[in-house]
Amino acid sequence: MLKQSLYRLCIELTNKKWSSFLLRRFVRSKASRKLIPSFAKTYGINTEEMEKSIELYPSLHEFFIRRLKPGARTIQAGEAAVVSPVDGVMAETGVITDQLEVTVKGKPYSILDMLGSDEKAAPYMGGSFAVFYLSPANYHRIHSPANGEVIGRWELGKHSYPVNELGLRYGKETLSKNYRSITELRHPGGRMAVVKVGAMFVNSVDYVVNRSDWIQGEEVAYFSFGSTVILLFEKGRFSFAGDTAPREVRVGEKLGSFMSK
């Protein structure tokens, strides 16, 4: 309990508007450009697959939200298929309980809190979920996991706490209380929610597609920093394929399929 309390206290002291402002200002400045080579080396970033040469990025922020060369990721397309929306670790998969809870790293999280209302959460009772964690080393653009009509988009939460291993272990309801931007899609096989969870310091999910439909594999948004993506599916509408979590995934890798009604 003491370790948990100390961790939360440190985060509360640092996760303020002024610290977020200073960090955001620095990483967007020309001065931060000097850190790009060491950042890339420290995290083992594959510079060969980047859209531009490393010396062409004007700031650490621009490097962090880098795009990849065309063809760097293969989309395992299919009308019923659902593919990974991000590069990262698929950290957890499982069933959403009848109490509208999921368990991640041994801790329960409320889908009702995550989505903000009974009306939004109820369709996912008894359904399935997947949690994807992005480290600083990962490509941080988000792609559509499936073809679908956008039937809702909303934002919740004001502050963001770490969503790394320590954050999930000692943080307080990070996945359901952090800043989050939620998009709900209607696919012929069923409804799904794509929950983008902000990370410490910077609450930012920027969209590059504002149409009423998403196309499987296309880039739809990016994280300025962080973080985590959660996919939610209705009961009996989706089946996972391949290896179980935790495992590394890449954008476009098939996760499973919508099931026939």
C-alpha atoms as a PDB file:
ATOM      1  CA  MET A   1       0.000   0.000   0.000  1.00  0.00           C
ATOM      2  CA  LEU A   2       2.858   2.423   0.804  1.00  0.00           C
ATOM      3  CA  LYS A   3       4.524   1.822  -2.553  1.00  0.00           C
ATOM      4  CA  GLN A   4       1.208   2.329  -4.326  1.00  0.00           C
ATOM      5  CA  SER A   5       0.492   5.548  -2.416  1.00  0.00           C
ATOM      6  CA  LEU A   6       3.942   6.990  -3.122  1.00  0.00           C
ATOM      7  CA  TYR A   7       3.610   6.208  -6.812  1.00  0.00           C
ATOM      8  CA  ARG A   8       0.238   7.935  -7.037  1.00  0.00           C
ATOM      9  CA  LEU A   9       1.504  10.960  -5.090  1.00  0.00           C
ATOM     10  CA  CYS A  10       4.443  11.441  -7.473  1.00  0.00           C
ATOM     11  CA  ILE A  11       2.132  11.253 -10.474  1.00  0.00           C
ATOM     12  CA  GLU A  12      -0.345  13.712  -8.969  1.00  0.00           C
ATOM     13  CA  LEU A  13       2.481  16.210  -8.358  1.00  0.00           C
ATOM     14  CA  THR A  14       3.837  15.997 -11.906  1.00  0.00           C
ATOM     15  CA  ASN A  15       0.658  15.560 -13.949  1.00  0.00           C
ATOM     16  CA  LYS A  16      -0.449  19.196 -13.848  1.00  0.00           C
ATOM     17  CA  LYS A  17      -1.277  21.773 -16.516  1.00  0.00           C
ATOM     18  CA  TRP A  18       2.019  23.610 -16.091  1.00  0.00           C
ATOM     19  CA  SER A  19       4.167  20.490 -16.463  1.00  0.00           C
ATOM     20  CA  SER A  20       2.147  19.334 -19.461  1.00  0.00           C
ATOM     21  CA  PHE A  21       2.497  22.790 -21.028  1.00  0.00           C
ATOM     22  CA  LEU A  22       6.264  22.867 -20.551  1.00  0.00           C
ATOM     23  CA  LEU A  23       6.740  19.382 -21.945  1.00  0.00           C
ATOM     24  CA  ARG A  24       4.502  20.065 -24.944  1.00  0.00           C
ATOM     25  CA  ARG A  25       6.326  23.319 -25.657  1.00  0.00           C
ATOM     26  CA  PHE A  26       9.756  21.704 -25.474  1.00  0.00           C
ATOM     27  CA  VAL A  27       9.068  18.649 -27.663  1.00  0.00           C
ATOM     28  CA  ARG A  28       7.626  20.924 -30.373  1.00  0.00           C
ATOM     29  CA  SER A  29      10.624  23.272 -30.290  1.00  0.00           C
ATOM     30  CA  LYS A  30      13.665  23.223 -32.559  1.00  0.00           C
ATOM     31  CA  ALA A  31      15.818  22.603 -29.477  1.00  0.00           C
ATOM     32  CA  SER A  32      14.283  19.139 -29.052  1.00  0.00           C
ATOM     33  CA  ARG A  33      15.595  18.152 -32.482  1.00  0.00           C
ATOM     34  CA  LYS A  34      19.002  17.425 -30.912  1.00  0.00           C
ATOM     35  CA  LEU A  35      17.445  14.596 -28.903  1.00  0.00           C
ATOM     36  CA  ILE A  36      16.078  12.700 -31.920  1.00  0.00           C
ATOM     37  CA  PRO A  37      19.197  10.571 -32.685  1.00  0.00           C
ATOM     38  CA  SER A  38      19.614   9.485 -29.048  1.00  0.00           C
ATOM     39  CA  PHE A  39      15.854   8.863 -28.722  1.00  0.00           C
ATOM     40  CA  ALA A  40      15.935   6.631 -31.806  1.00  0.00           C
ATOM     41  CA  LYS A  41      19.019   4.774 -30.572  1.00  0.00           C
ATOM     42  CA  THR A  42      17.731   4.333 -27.016  1.00  0.00           C
ATOM     43  CA  TYR A  43      14.453   2.807 -28.187  1.00  0.00           C
ATOM     44  CA  GLY A  44      15.886   0.849 -31.121  1.00  0.00           C
ATOM     45  CA  ILE A  45      13.621   2.528 -33.673  1.00  0.00           C
ATOM     46  CA  ASN A  46      13.805   1.130 -37.199  1.00  0.00           C
ATOM     47  CA  THR A  47      14.745   4.221 -39.182  1.00  0.00           C
ATOM     48  CA  GLU A  48      14.722   2.308 -42.475  1.00  0.00           C
ATOM     49  CA  GLU A  49      10.924   2.109 -42.521  1.00  0.00           C
ATOM     50  CA  MET A  50      10.322   5.793 -41.769  1.00  0.00           C
ATOM     51  CA  GLU A  51       8.815   8.094 -44.389  1.00  0.00           C
ATOM     52  CA  LYS A  52      11.718  10.572 -44.075  1.00  0.00           C
ATOM     53  CA  SER A  53      15.374  10.509 -43.106  1.00  0.00           C
ATOM     54  CA  ILE A  54      15.972  11.134 -39.417  1.00  0.00           C
ATOM     55  CA  GLU A  55      17.693  14.491 -40.001  1.00  0.00           C
ATOM     56  CA  LEU A  56      14.586  15.901 -41.735  1.00  0.00           C
ATOM     57  CA  TYR A  57      12.388  15.938 -38.617  1.00  0.00           C
ATOM     58  CA  PRO A  58      12.302  19.491 -37.155  1.00  0.00           C
ATOM     59  CA  SER A  59      11.348  18.466 -33.592  1.00  0.00           C
ATOM     60  CA  LEU A  60      11.009  15.477 -31.295  1.00  0.00           C
ATOM     61  CA  HIS A  61       7.235  15.755 -31.615  1.00  0.00           C
ATOM     62  CA  GLU A  62       7.360  15.490 -35.407  1.00  0.00           C
ATOM     63  CA  PHE A  63       9.641  12.468 -35.100  1.00  0.00           C
ATOM     64  CA  PHE A  64       7.333  10.869 -32.549  1.00  0.00           C
ATOM     65  CA  ILE A  65       4.313  11.118 -34.883  1.00  0.00           C
ATOM     66  CA  ARG A  66       6.333  10.005 -37.927  1.00  0.00           C
ATOM     67  CA  ARG A  67       4.663   8.200 -40.800  1.00  0.00           C
ATOM     68  CA  LEU A  68       6.043   5.065 -42.425  1.00  0.00           C
ATOM     69  CA  LYS A  69       7.006   4.424 -46.024  1.00  0.00           C
ATOM     70  CA  PRO A  70       4.179   3.153 -48.263  1.00  0.00           C
ATOM     71  CA  GLY A  71       4.016  -0.635 -48.009  1.00  0.00           C
ATOM     72  CA  ALA A  72       5.823  -0.805 -44.651  1.00  0.00           C
ATOM     73  CA  ARG A  73       2.751  -2.539 -43.192  1.00  0.00           C
ATOM     74  CA  THR A  74       0.602  -5.196 -44.838  1.00  0.00           C
ATOM     75  CA  ILE A  75      -3.136  -5.034 -44.229  1.00  0.00           C
ATOM     76  CA  GLN A  76      -4.528  -8.579 -43.917  1.00  0.00           C
ATOM     77  CA  ALA A  77      -7.789  -7.397 -45.380  1.00  0.00           C
ATOM     78  CA  GLY A  78     -11.137  -9.159 -45.407  1.00  0.00           C
ATOM     79  CA  GLU A  79     -14.726  -7.993 -45.088  1.00  0.00           C
ATOM     80  CA  ALA A  80     -15.222  -9.903 -41.832  1.00  0.00           C
ATOM     81  CA  ALA A  81     -11.650  -9.428 -40.590  1.00  0.00           C
ATOM     82  CA  VAL A  82     -10.539  -7.139 -37.782  1.00  0.00           C
ATOM     83  CA  VAL A  83      -6.904  -6.047 -37.917  1.00  0.00           C
ATOM     84  CA  SER A  84      -4.599  -4.445 -35.392  1.00  0.00           C
ATOM     85  CA  PRO A  85      -5.070  -0.661 -35.324  1.00  0.00           C
ATOM     86  CA  VAL A  86      -1.547  -0.041 -33.986  1.00  0.00           C
ATOM     87  CA  ASP A  87       1.980  -1.315 -33.582  1.00  0.00           C
ATOM     88  CA  GLY A  88       2.541  -2.434 -30.017  1.00  0.00           C
ATOM     89  CA  VAL A  89       1.770  -5.205 -27.575  1.00  0.00           C
ATOM     90  CA  MET A  90      -1.659  -6.786 -27.434  1.00  0.00           C
ATOM     91  CA  ALA A  91      -1.420  -6.917 -23.670  1.00  0.00           C
ATOM     92  CA  GLU A  92      -4.738  -8.497 -22.751  1.00  0.00           C
ATOM     93  CA  THR A  93      -7.832 -10.040 -24.295  1.00  0.00           C
ATOM     94  CA  GLY A  94     -10.899 -11.444 -22.635  1.00  0.00           C
ATOM     95  CA  VAL A  95     -14.603 -11.285 -21.905  1.00  0.00           C
ATOM     96  CA  ILE A  96     -16.606  -8.294 -20.716  1.00  0.00           C
ATOM     97  CA  THR A  97     -18.577  -9.482 -17.701  1.00  0.00           C
ATOM     98  CA  ASP A  98     -22.295  -9.038 -17.144  1.00  0.00           C
ATOM     99  CA  GLN A  99     -21.264  -6.366 -14.624  1.00  0.00           C
ATOM    100  CA  LEU A 100     -19.622  -4.515 -17.517  1.00  0.00           C
ATOM    101  CA  GLU A 101     -16.089  -5.035 -16.253  1.00  0.00           C
ATOM    102  CA  VAL A 102     -12.849  -6.216 -17.832  1.00  0.00           C
ATOM    103  CA  THR A 103      -9.720  -7.430 -16.043  1.00  0.00           C
ATOM    104  CA  VAL A 104      -6.331  -6.046 -17.115  1.00  0.00           C
ATOM    105  CA  LYS A 105      -3.129  -6.924 -15.225  1.00  0.00           C
ATOM    106  CA  GLY A 106      -5.297  -8.457 -12.525  1.00  0.00           C
ATOM    107  CA  LYS A 107      -7.306  -5.270 -11.932  1.00  0.00           C
ATOM    108  CA  PRO A 108     -10.977  -4.690 -12.815  1.00  0.00           C
ATOM    109  CA  TYR A 109     -11.982  -1.765 -15.045  1.00  0.00           C
ATOM    110  CA  SER A 110     -15.500  -0.510 -15.623  1.00  0.00           C
ATOM    111  CA  ILE A 111     -16.706  -0.344 -19.226  1.00  0.00           C
ATOM    112  CA  LEU A 112     -19.521   1.897 -17.990  1.00  0.00           C
ATOM    113  CA  ASP A 113     -16.925   4.383 -16.681  1.00  0.00           C
ATOM    114  CA  MET A 114     -14.785   3.939 -19.783  1.00  0.00           C
ATOM    115  CA  LEU A 115     -17.615   4.789 -22.193  1.00  0.00           C
ATOM    116  CA  GLY A 116     -19.431   7.229 -19.940  1.00  0.00           C
ATOM    117  CA  SER A 117     -23.007   5.943 -19.728  1.00  0.00           C
ATOM    118  CA  ASP A 118     -25.254   2.895 -19.439  1.00  0.00           C
ATOM    119  CA  GLU A 119     -26.572   3.546 -22.930  1.00  0.00           C
ATOM    120  CA  LYS A 120     -23.090   3.436 -24.470  1.00  0.00           C
ATOM    121  CA  ALA A 121     -21.848   0.478 -22.391  1.00  0.00           C
ATOM    122  CA  ALA A 122     -24.877  -1.854 -22.462  1.00  0.00           C
ATOM    123  CA  PRO A 123     -24.338  -3.217 -26.010  1.00  0.00           C
ATOM    124  CA  TYR A 124     -20.966  -4.663 -24.931  1.00  0.00           C
ATOM    125  CA  MET A 125     -22.199  -6.697 -21.963  1.00  0.00           C
ATOM    126  CA  GLY A 126     -20.867 -10.240 -22.324  1.00  0.00           C
ATOM    127  CA  GLY A 127     -18.775  -9.238 -25.324  1.00  0.00           C
ATOM    128  CA  SER A 128     -15.014  -9.364 -25.828  1.00  0.00           C
ATOM    129  CA  PHE A 129     -12.152  -6.896 -25.614  1.00  0.00           C
ATOM    130  CA  ALA A 130      -8.505  -6.382 -26.530  1.00  0.00           C
ATOM    131  CA  VAL A 131      -6.007  -3.931 -25.006  1.00  0.00           C
ATOM    132  CA  PHE A 132      -3.023  -2.648 -26.994  1.00  0.00           C
ATOM    133  CA  TYR A 133      -0.106  -0.850 -25.326  1.00  0.00           C
ATOM    134  CA  LEU A 134       2.215   1.418 -27.329  1.00  0.00           C
ATOM    135  CA  SER A 135       5.710   2.079 -25.981  1.00  0.00           C
ATOM    136  CA  PRO A 136       7.749   5.177 -26.907  1.00  0.00           C
ATOM    137  CA  ALA A 137       9.521   3.023 -29.502  1.00  0.00           C
ATOM    138  CA  ASN A 138       6.367   2.279 -31.465  1.00  0.00           C
ATOM    139  CA  TYR A 139       4.903   3.915 -34.526  1.00  0.00           C
ATOM    140  CA  HIS A 140       2.134   6.072 -33.022  1.00  0.00           C
ATOM    141  CA  ARG A 141      -0.421   6.415 -35.774  1.00  0.00           C
ATOM    142  CA  ILE A 142      -3.765   4.659 -35.452  1.00  0.00           C
ATOM    143  CA  HIS A 143      -5.405   2.765 -38.312  1.00  0.00           C
ATOM    144  CA  SER A 144      -8.956   1.545 -38.744  1.00  0.00           C
ATOM    145  CA  PRO A 145      -9.364  -2.072 -37.575  1.00  0.00           C
ATOM    146  CA  ALA A 146     -12.321  -2.718 -39.912  1.00  0.00           C
ATOM    147  CA  ASN A 147     -14.654  -1.203 -42.462  1.00  0.00           C
ATOM    148  CA  GLY A 148     -17.489   0.523 -40.686  1.00  0.00           C
ATOM    149  CA  GLU A 149     -19.883   3.427 -40.391  1.00  0.00           C
ATOM    150  CA  VAL A 150     -18.975   5.913 -37.658  1.00  0.00           C
ATOM    151  CA  ILE A 151     -22.056   6.023 -35.428  1.00  0.00           C
ATOM    152  CA  GLY A 152     -20.543   8.019 -32.576  1.00  0.00           C
ATOM    153  CA  ARG A 153     -17.449   9.857 -31.395  1.00  0.00           C
ATOM    154  CA  TRP A 154     -16.936  11.486 -28.004  1.00  0.00           C
ATOM    155  CA  GLU A 155     -14.279  12.421 -25.466  1.00  0.00           C
ATOM    156  CA  LEU A 156     -14.130  11.867 -21.710  1.00  0.00           C
ATOM    157  CA  GLY A 157     -11.682  12.583 -18.889  1.00  0.00           C
ATOM    158  CA  LYS A 158      -9.349  15.500 -18.188  1.00  0.00           C
ATOM    159  CA  HIS A 159      -6.125  14.048 -16.792  1.00  0.00           C
ATOM    160  CA  SER A 160      -3.927  11.191 -17.882  1.00  0.00           C
ATOM    161  CA  TYR A 161      -1.730   8.928 -15.805  1.00  0.00           C
ATOM    162  CA  PRO A 162       0.888   6.455 -17.055  1.00  0.00           C
ATOM    163  CA  VAL A 163      -0.436   3.398 -18.882  1.00  0.00           C
ATOM    164  CA  ASN A 164       2.807   1.435 -18.727  1.00  0.00           C
ATOM    165  CA  GLU A 165       3.415  -1.578 -16.465  1.00  0.00           C
ATOM    166  CA  LEU A 166       3.698   0.545 -13.296  1.00  0.00           C
ATOM    167  CA  GLY A 167       0.721   2.663 -14.250  1.00  0.00           C
ATOM    168  CA  LEU A 168      -1.523  -0.330 -14.752  1.00  0.00           C
ATOM    169  CA  ARG A 169      -0.301  -1.974 -11.560  1.00  0.00           C
ATOM    170  CA  TYR A 170      -0.388   1.005  -9.177  1.00  0.00           C
ATOM    171  CA  GLY A 171      -2.491   3.620 -10.955  1.00  0.00           C
ATOM    172  CA  LYS A 172      -6.123   4.267 -10.154  1.00  0.00           C
ATOM    173  CA  GLU A 173      -8.495   3.162 -12.938  1.00  0.00           C
ATOM    174  CA  THR A 174      -6.150   4.469 -15.630  1.00  0.00           C
ATOM    175  CA  LEU A 175      -7.919   2.768 -18.539  1.00  0.00           C
ATOM    176  CA  SER A 176     -11.404   3.892 -17.531  1.00  0.00           C
ATOM    177  CA  LYS A 177     -10.644   7.345 -16.076  1.00  0.00           C
ATOM    178  CA  ASN A 178      -7.751   8.750 -18.168  1.00  0.00           C
ATOM    179  CA  TYR A 179      -8.550  11.142 -20.986  1.00  0.00           C
ATOM    180  CA  ARG A 180      -9.999   9.021 -23.785  1.00  0.00           C
ATOM    181  CA  SER A 181     -11.352   9.606 -27.260  1.00  0.00           C
ATOM    182  CA  ILE A 182     -13.895   7.017 -28.348  1.00  0.00           C
ATOM    183  CA  THR A 183     -15.131   6.122 -31.823  1.00  0.00           C
ATOM    184  CA  GLU A 184     -17.964   3.665 -32.302  1.00  0.00           C
ATOM    185  CA  LEU A 185     -18.307   1.805 -35.602  1.00  0.00           C
ATOM    186  CA  ARG A 186     -21.146  -0.192 -37.111  1.00  0.00           C
ATOM    187  CA  HIS A 187     -19.910  -3.115 -39.196  1.00  0.00           C
ATOM    188  CA  PRO A 188     -22.277  -5.587 -40.925  1.00  0.00           C
ATOM    189  CA  GLY A 189     -21.006  -8.154 -38.390  1.00  0.00           C
ATOM    190  CA  GLY A 190     -21.718  -5.992 -35.350  1.00  0.00           C
ATOM    191  CA  ARG A 191     -20.896  -2.867 -33.404  1.00  0.00           C
ATOM    192  CA  MET A 192     -17.416  -2.135 -32.068  1.00  0.00           C
ATOM    193  CA  ALA A 193     -15.828   0.641 -30.015  1.00  0.00           C
ATOM    194  CA  VAL A 194     -12.304   1.937 -30.576  1.00  0.00           C
ATOM    195  CA  VAL A 195     -11.133   3.606 -27.343  1.00  0.00           C
ATOM    196  CA  LYS A 196      -7.975   5.736 -27.580  1.00  0.00           C
ATOM    197  CA  VAL A 197      -6.546   6.346 -24.081  1.00  0.00           C
ATOM    198  CA  GLY A 198      -4.258   9.287 -23.382  1.00  0.00           C
ATOM    199  CA  ALA A 199      -0.975   8.898 -21.535  1.00  0.00           C
ATOM    200  CA  MET A 200       0.799  10.987 -18.910  1.00  0.00           C
ATOM    201  CA  PHE A 201       1.338  14.722 -19.540  1.00  0.00           C
ATOM    202  CA  VAL A 202      -0.280  15.089 -22.969  1.00  0.00           C
ATOM    203  CA  ASN A 203      -3.974  14.431 -23.630  1.00  0.00           C
ATOM    204  CA  SER A 204      -3.942  14.409 -27.382  1.00  0.00           C
ATOM    205  CA  VAL A 205      -5.564  12.261 -30.040  1.00  0.00           C
ATOM    206  CA  ASP A 206      -5.554  14.029 -33.397  1.00  0.00           C
ATOM    207  CA  TYR A 207      -7.830  12.775 -36.170  1.00  0.00           C
ATOM    208  CA  VAL A 208      -6.858  12.786 -39.832  1.00  0.00           C
ATOM    209  CA  VAL A 209     -10.163  11.305 -41.067  1.00  0.00           C
ATOM    210  CA  ASN A 210     -13.461  13.010 -40.322  1.00  0.00           C
ATOM    211  CA  ARG A 211     -15.724  11.109 -42.700  1.00  0.00           C
ATOM    212  CA  SER A 212     -18.782   9.133 -41.630  1.00  0.00           C
ATOM    213  CA  ASP A 213     -17.063   5.864 -42.533  1.00  0.00           C
ATOM    214  CA  TRP A 214     -13.714   4.237 -41.809  1.00  0.00           C
ATOM    215  CA  ILE A 215     -11.896   1.995 -44.279  1.00  0.00           C
ATOM    216  CA  GLN A 216      -9.994  -0.983 -42.950  1.00  0.00           C
ATOM    217  CA  GLY A 217      -6.271  -0.264 -42.640  1.00  0.00           C
ATOM    218  CA  GLU A 218      -6.417   3.465 -43.383  1.00  0.00           C
ATOM    219  CA  GLU A 219      -4.765   5.922 -41.014  1.00  0.00           C
ATOM    220  CA  VAL A 220      -7.463   7.638 -38.947  1.00  0.00           C
ATOM    221  CA  ALA A 221      -5.648   9.369 -36.065  1.00  0.00           C
ATOM    222  CA  TYR A 222      -2.417   9.647 -34.091  1.00  0.00           C
ATOM    223  CA  PHE A 223      -1.230  10.007 -30.501  1.00  0.00           C
ATOM    224  CA  SER A 224       0.983  12.990 -29.717  1.00  0.00           C
ATOM    225  CA  PHE A 225       2.241  10.931 -26.765  1.00  0.00           C
ATOM    226  CA  GLY A 226       1.314   7.518 -25.425  1.00  0.00           C
ATOM    227  CA  SER A 227      -0.554   5.325 -25.195  1.00  0.00           C
ATOM    228  CA  THR A 228      -3.231   2.599 -25.301  1.00  0.00           C
ATOM    229  CA  VAL A 229      -6.016   1.473 -27.617  1.00  0.00           C
ATOM    230  CA  ILE A 230      -8.896  -0.733 -26.480  1.00  0.00           C
ATOM    231  CA  LEU A 231     -11.268  -2.549 -28.831  1.00  0.00           C
ATOM    232  CA  LEU A 232     -14.705  -3.611 -27.566  1.00  0.00           C
ATOM    233  CA  PHE A 233     -17.028  -6.083 -29.323  1.00  0.00           C
ATOM    234  CA  GLU A 234     -20.616  -7.174 -28.746  1.00  0.00           C
ATOM    235  CA  LYS A 235     -21.437 -10.594 -27.320  1.00  0.00           C
ATOM    236  CA  GLY A 236     -21.206 -13.438 -29.812  1.00  0.00           C
ATOM    237  CA  ARG A 237     -20.115 -11.175 -32.673  1.00  0.00           C
ATOM    238  CA  PHE A 238     -16.325 -11.558 -32.724  1.00  0.00           C
ATOM    239  CA  SER A 239     -13.816 -14.400 -32.511  1.00  0.00           C
ATOM    240  CA  PHE A 240     -10.083 -13.993 -31.892  1.00  0.00           C
ATOM    241  CA  ALA A 241      -7.657 -15.885 -34.127  1.00  0.00           C
ATOM    242  CA  GLY A 242      -4.007 -16.818 -33.696  1.00  0.00           C
ATOM    243  CA  ASP A 243      -1.861 -16.596 -30.595  1.00  0.00           C
ATOM    244  CA  THR A 244      -3.318 -15.298 -27.357  1.00  0.00           C
ATOM    245  CA  ALA A 245      -2.138 -12.200 -25.498  1.00  0.00           C
ATOM    246  CA  PRO A 246       0.312 -10.919 -24.547  1.00  0.00           C
ATOM    247  CA  ARG A 247       2.113 -10.679 -27.873  1.00  0.00           C
ATOM    248  CA  GLU A 248       3.520  -8.068 -30.203  1.00  0.00           C
ATOM    249  CA  VAL A 249       1.342  -6.962 -33.103  1.00  0.00           C
ATOM    250  CA  ARG A 250       1.718  -4.608 -36.042  1.00  0.00           C
ATOM    251  CA  VAL A 251      -0.735  -2.436 -37.912  1.00  0.00           C
ATOM    252  CA  GLY A 252      -2.794  -4.542 -40.313  1.00  0.00           C
ATOM    253  CA  GLU A 253      -2.149  -7.903 -38.631  1.00  0.00           C
ATOM    254  CA  LYS A 254      -5.342  -9.941 -38.440  1.00  0.00           C
ATOM    255  CA  LEU A 255      -6.709 -10.267 -34.907  1.00  0.00           C
ATOM    256  CA  GLY A 256      -9.857 -12.239 -35.682  1.00  0.00           C
ATOM    257  CA  SER A 257     -13.177 -12.018 -37.470  1.00  0.00           C
ATOM    258  CA  PHE A 258     -16.745 -10.966 -37.021  1.00  0.00           C
ATOM    259  CA  MET A 259     -18.944 -14.045 -36.760  1.00  0.00           C
ATOM    260  CA  SER A 260     -21.927 -14.811 -38.934  1.00  0.00           C
ATOM    261  CA  LYS A 261     -25.256 -14.016 -37.274  1.00  0.00           C
END
